Amino acid sequence: MPTIAIVGAGSGLGLSIARRFGREGFAVALVSRTQANVDELAEELGKDGIDAAGFAADATDTRALGAGFAGITARFGPVEVLSFSPSAPGDPRLRPVTATEVTLADVLPQLDFYLGGGIAAVQQVLPGMTERGSGTIIFTTGGTSANPGMRPAFASIAIGAGALRTYALSLHAAVAGDGVHVAHVPLSTWIGQGGPETQPDTIAEHYWSLYTRREGAEHPYVALP
């Protein structure tokens, strides 16, 4: 049974991605900062007959993330798909700051959160993927990572997310010949706040299609009012 690890798992899009892959026979490893949260998600998935377990780890804490992925490997075996979709609502270090007011002190936490967390997560799975000659890594950010001008008030976030995007596109090119597909999804939507195209289950289909097609480095999803 293949395994998908979802770093930044939550009750919205993360849970929908877990369900979509779980329906196709994937085991699901849910990773977020709070054990109680991922345990609750795993219980929900279990009601659907999906083999799932939660692992508490902060992606910016390399040691904790390593321990979390060691637990994933022990429980499920190697990770076939990594979904990295960082989210930390309410964290004051990651507040939006405009381009005219942003300082280095505003940007460094964003870089640590997005880029640092992404690199740390990849390091947990990429060696095994390249050795096996198979695997998929999907990064998710907001649409400002690819188009920072769409929300200039979010410049501090766009800088961090944009750095992760650059890493994702670079990694795509670097491992394309190793059987590993790396993709970036810039989401331009308010998840769950609009028509059917904004609903997490609908968006999750975009991820399944991306996984099955294994084409291209960037796959934007746009559903704006």
Protein backbone atom coordinates (compact mmCIF):
# COMPACT_ATOMS: atom_id res chain seq x y z
CA MET A 1 0.00 0.00 0.00
CA PRO A 2 1.54 3.36 -1.00
CA THR A 3 1.69 6.16 1.55
CA ILE A 4 1.03 9.88 1.29
CA ALA A 5 2.45 12.15 3.97
CA ILE A 6 0.61 15.45 4.35
CA VAL A 7 2.70 18.05 6.17
CA GLY A 8 0.50 20.89 7.34
CA ALA A 9 -2.59 18.67 7.53
CA GLY A 10 -5.78 20.41 8.59
CA SER A 11 -9.52 19.91 8.52
CA GLY A 12 -9.96 21.65 5.15
CA LEU A 13 -7.92 20.93 2.05
CA GLY A 14 -5.49 18.60 3.83
CA LEU A 15 -8.31 16.32 4.94
CA SER A 16 -9.85 16.36 1.46
CA ILE A 17 -6.53 15.43 -0.15
CA ALA A 18 -6.16 12.64 2.39
CA ARG A 19 -9.62 11.29 1.54
CA ARG A 20 -9.01 11.52 -2.21
CA PHE A 21 -5.77 9.59 -2.06
CA GLY A 22 -7.13 7.24 0.59
CA ARG A 23 -9.98 6.24 -1.73
CA GLU A 24 -7.34 5.12 -4.21
CA GLY A 25 -5.71 2.80 -1.70
CA PHE A 26 -3.16 5.10 -0.10
CA ALA A 27 -2.30 4.98 3.57
CA VAL A 28 -2.26 8.50 5.02
CA ALA A 29 0.27 10.04 7.40
CA LEU A 30 -0.95 13.37 8.79
CA VAL A 31 1.66 15.78 10.13
CA SER A 32 1.02 19.01 12.01
CA ARG A 33 2.15 20.76 15.16
CA THR A 34 -0.60 19.40 17.42
CA GLN A 35 -1.05 15.68 18.04
CA ALA A 36 -4.69 16.02 19.08
CA ASN A 37 -5.56 17.68 15.78
CA VAL A 38 -4.03 15.01 13.55
CA ASP A 39 -5.42 12.24 15.74
CA GLU A 40 -8.90 13.67 15.19
CA LEU A 41 -8.35 13.79 11.43
CA ALA A 42 -7.03 10.22 11.42
CA GLU A 43 -10.13 9.08 13.29
CA GLU A 44 -12.36 10.73 10.68
CA LEU A 45 -10.48 9.02 7.87
CA GLY A 46 -10.69 5.71 9.68
CA LYS A 47 -14.49 5.96 9.56
CA ASP A 48 -14.13 5.96 5.77
CA GLY A 49 -12.00 2.81 5.89
CA ILE A 50 -8.75 4.68 5.25
CA ASP A 51 -5.61 3.58 7.08
CA ALA A 52 -4.40 6.83 8.65
CA ALA A 53 -2.31 8.00 11.58
CA GLY A 54 -1.23 11.36 12.96
CA PHE A 55 2.28 12.54 13.77
CA ALA A 56 3.06 15.74 15.66
CA ALA A 57 5.97 17.75 14.27
CA ASP A 58 6.79 21.35 13.49
CA ALA A 59 8.31 21.54 10.00
CA THR A 60 10.68 24.27 11.19
CA ASP A 61 12.07 21.94 13.88
CA THR A 62 14.35 19.58 11.96
CA ARG A 63 14.80 17.15 14.83
CA ALA A 64 11.07 16.89 15.52
CA LEU A 65 10.33 16.47 11.83
CA GLY A 66 12.92 13.72 11.56
CA ALA A 67 11.35 11.91 14.49
CA GLY A 68 7.92 12.29 12.93
CA PHE A 69 9.04 10.79 9.63
CA ALA A 70 10.82 7.98 11.44
CA GLY A 71 7.46 7.20 12.98
CA ILE A 72 5.79 7.34 9.58
CA THR A 73 8.30 4.91 8.10
CA ALA A 74 7.91 2.53 11.04
CA ARG A 75 4.12 2.61 10.75
CA PHE A 76 3.61 2.67 6.98
CA GLY A 77 6.93 2.12 5.22
CA PRO A 78 8.41 4.51 2.64
CA VAL A 79 6.55 7.65 1.60
CA GLU A 80 5.46 7.64 -2.05
CA VAL A 81 3.84 11.11 -2.06
CA LEU A 82 4.76 14.14 0.03
CA SER A 83 2.26 16.99 0.19
CA PHE A 84 3.77 20.07 1.84
CA SER A 85 1.17 22.76 2.52
CA PRO A 86 2.30 24.92 5.45
CA SER A 87 -0.33 26.72 7.50
CA ALA A 88 -0.05 28.55 10.80
CA PRO A 89 -3.15 30.72 11.22
CA GLY A 90 -2.83 33.29 13.95
CA ASP A 91 0.95 33.04 14.31
CA PRO A 92 2.02 36.67 14.89
CA ARG A 93 5.46 36.02 13.38
CA LEU A 94 3.84 35.32 10.03
CA ARG A 95 1.62 38.37 9.75
CA PRO A 96 1.17 40.08 6.38
CA VAL A 97 3.24 43.24 5.86
CA THR A 98 3.16 45.50 2.82
CA ALA A 99 6.14 45.87 0.49
CA THR A 100 6.68 49.47 1.60
CA GLU A 101 6.81 48.57 5.28
CA VAL A 102 8.38 45.10 5.31
CA THR A 103 11.65 44.62 7.19
CA LEU A 104 14.15 41.80 7.34
CA ALA A 105 12.70 40.89 10.74
CA ASP A 106 9.34 40.36 9.03
CA VAL A 107 10.78 38.25 6.23
CA LEU A 108 13.08 35.86 8.09
CA PRO A 109 10.27 33.98 9.90
CA GLN A 110 8.44 33.62 6.59
CA LEU A 111 11.53 32.14 4.94
CA ASP A 112 12.04 29.76 7.85
CA PHE A 113 8.40 28.68 7.76
CA TYR A 114 7.96 28.23 4.02
CA LEU A 115 11.39 27.56 2.56
CA GLY A 116 13.08 26.07 5.61
CA GLY A 117 10.13 23.82 6.36
CA GLY A 118 9.87 22.71 2.75
CA ILE A 119 13.53 21.82 2.46
CA ALA A 120 13.45 19.96 5.78
CA ALA A 121 10.43 17.91 4.70
CA VAL A 122 11.97 17.04 1.34
CA GLN A 123 15.15 15.84 3.02
CA GLN A 124 13.09 13.25 4.87
CA VAL A 125 11.76 11.59 1.70
CA LEU A 126 13.86 12.49 -1.33
CA PRO A 127 16.78 10.07 -0.72
CA GLY A 128 14.40 7.12 -0.60
CA MET A 129 12.46 8.31 -3.63
CA THR A 130 15.56 8.69 -5.79
CA GLU A 131 16.85 5.31 -4.63
CA ARG A 132 13.55 3.65 -5.61
CA GLY A 133 13.24 5.71 -8.78
CA SER A 134 9.70 6.82 -7.95
CA GLY A 135 7.87 9.40 -5.90
CA THR A 136 5.91 12.64 -6.00
CA ILE A 137 6.43 15.86 -4.05
CA ILE A 138 3.71 18.53 -4.14
CA PHE A 139 4.18 21.98 -2.63
CA THR A 140 1.21 24.25 -1.99
CA THR A 141 1.32 28.01 -1.47
CA GLY A 142 -1.02 30.93 -1.96
CA GLY A 143 -1.30 32.54 -5.36
CA THR A 144 0.88 35.47 -4.31
CA SER A 145 3.92 33.19 -4.52
CA ALA A 146 3.60 33.26 -8.30
CA ASN A 147 1.90 36.65 -8.63
CA PRO A 148 2.88 38.89 -5.69
CA GLY A 149 1.22 41.90 -7.26
CA MET A 150 -2.24 40.40 -6.77
CA ARG A 151 -2.11 41.21 -3.03
CA PRO A 152 0.61 43.80 -2.32
CA ALA A 153 -0.47 44.01 1.32
CA PHE A 154 0.75 40.41 1.72
CA ALA A 155 4.30 41.11 0.54
CA SER A 156 6.01 39.50 3.54
CA ILE A 157 4.11 36.25 2.96
CA ALA A 158 4.67 36.39 -0.80
CA ILE A 159 8.42 36.64 -0.26
CA GLY A 160 8.54 33.49 1.87
CA ALA A 161 6.11 31.55 -0.29
CA GLY A 162 7.86 32.76 -3.44
CA ALA A 163 11.14 31.39 -2.14
CA LEU A 164 9.48 28.00 -1.64
CA ARG A 165 8.11 28.20 -5.18
CA THR A 166 11.61 28.86 -6.55
CA TYR A 167 12.92 25.86 -4.64
CA ALA A 168 10.08 23.67 -5.94
CA LEU A 169 10.67 24.61 -9.57
CA SER A 170 14.42 24.14 -9.19
CA LEU A 171 13.95 20.75 -7.54
CA HIS A 172 11.56 19.70 -10.31
CA ALA A 173 14.30 20.21 -12.87
CA ALA A 174 16.98 18.62 -10.71
CA VAL A 175 15.22 15.28 -10.13
CA ALA A 176 13.19 14.94 -13.33
CA GLY A 177 15.54 12.23 -14.56
CA ASP A 178 15.38 10.26 -11.30
CA GLY A 179 11.75 9.15 -11.53
CA VAL A 180 10.61 11.77 -9.00
CA HIS A 181 7.96 14.31 -9.96
CA VAL A 182 8.03 17.64 -8.11
CA ALA A 183 5.19 20.11 -8.57
CA HIS A 184 4.01 23.40 -7.12
CA VAL A 185 0.38 24.43 -6.73
CA PRO A 186 -0.24 28.16 -6.24
CA LEU A 187 -3.79 28.40 -4.90
CA SER A 188 -5.72 31.55 -5.78
CA THR A 189 -8.97 30.99 -3.92
CA TRP A 190 -10.62 31.32 -0.53
CA ILE A 191 -11.08 27.66 0.35
CA GLY A 192 -14.68 26.84 1.18
CA GLN A 193 -15.90 30.40 0.71
CA GLY A 194 -17.77 30.40 -2.57
CA GLY A 195 -19.13 28.05 -5.19
CA PRO A 196 -18.30 24.39 -5.75
CA GLU A 197 -14.92 25.22 -7.27
CA THR A 198 -13.75 26.66 -3.92
CA GLN A 199 -14.69 23.58 -1.90
CA PRO A 200 -11.80 21.46 -0.61
CA ASP A 201 -13.12 18.23 -2.12
CA THR A 202 -13.17 19.86 -5.56
CA ILE A 203 -9.66 21.25 -5.14
CA ALA A 204 -8.43 17.83 -4.00
CA GLU A 205 -9.32 16.47 -7.45
CA HIS A 206 -6.73 18.89 -8.87
CA TYR A 207 -4.09 17.19 -6.71
CA TRP A 208 -5.11 13.69 -7.74
CA SER A 209 -5.00 14.69 -11.40
CA LEU A 210 -1.58 16.24 -10.90
CA TYR A 211 -0.35 13.04 -9.28
CA THR A 212 -1.69 10.71 -11.96
CA ARG A 213 -0.60 12.83 -14.94
CA ARG A 214 2.91 13.57 -13.65
CA GLU A 215 3.39 16.45 -16.07
CA GLY A 216 4.88 19.89 -15.57
CA ALA A 217 6.29 21.80 -12.64
CA GLU A 218 3.54 24.29 -11.84
CA HIS A 219 -0.20 23.68 -11.63
CA PRO A 220 -2.10 26.82 -10.59
CA TYR A 221 -5.60 26.54 -9.17
CA VAL A 222 -7.72 29.65 -9.58
CA ALA A 223 -11.26 30.10 -8.25
CA LEU A 224 -11.80 33.77 -7.48
CA PRO A 225 -15.11 35.64 -7.12
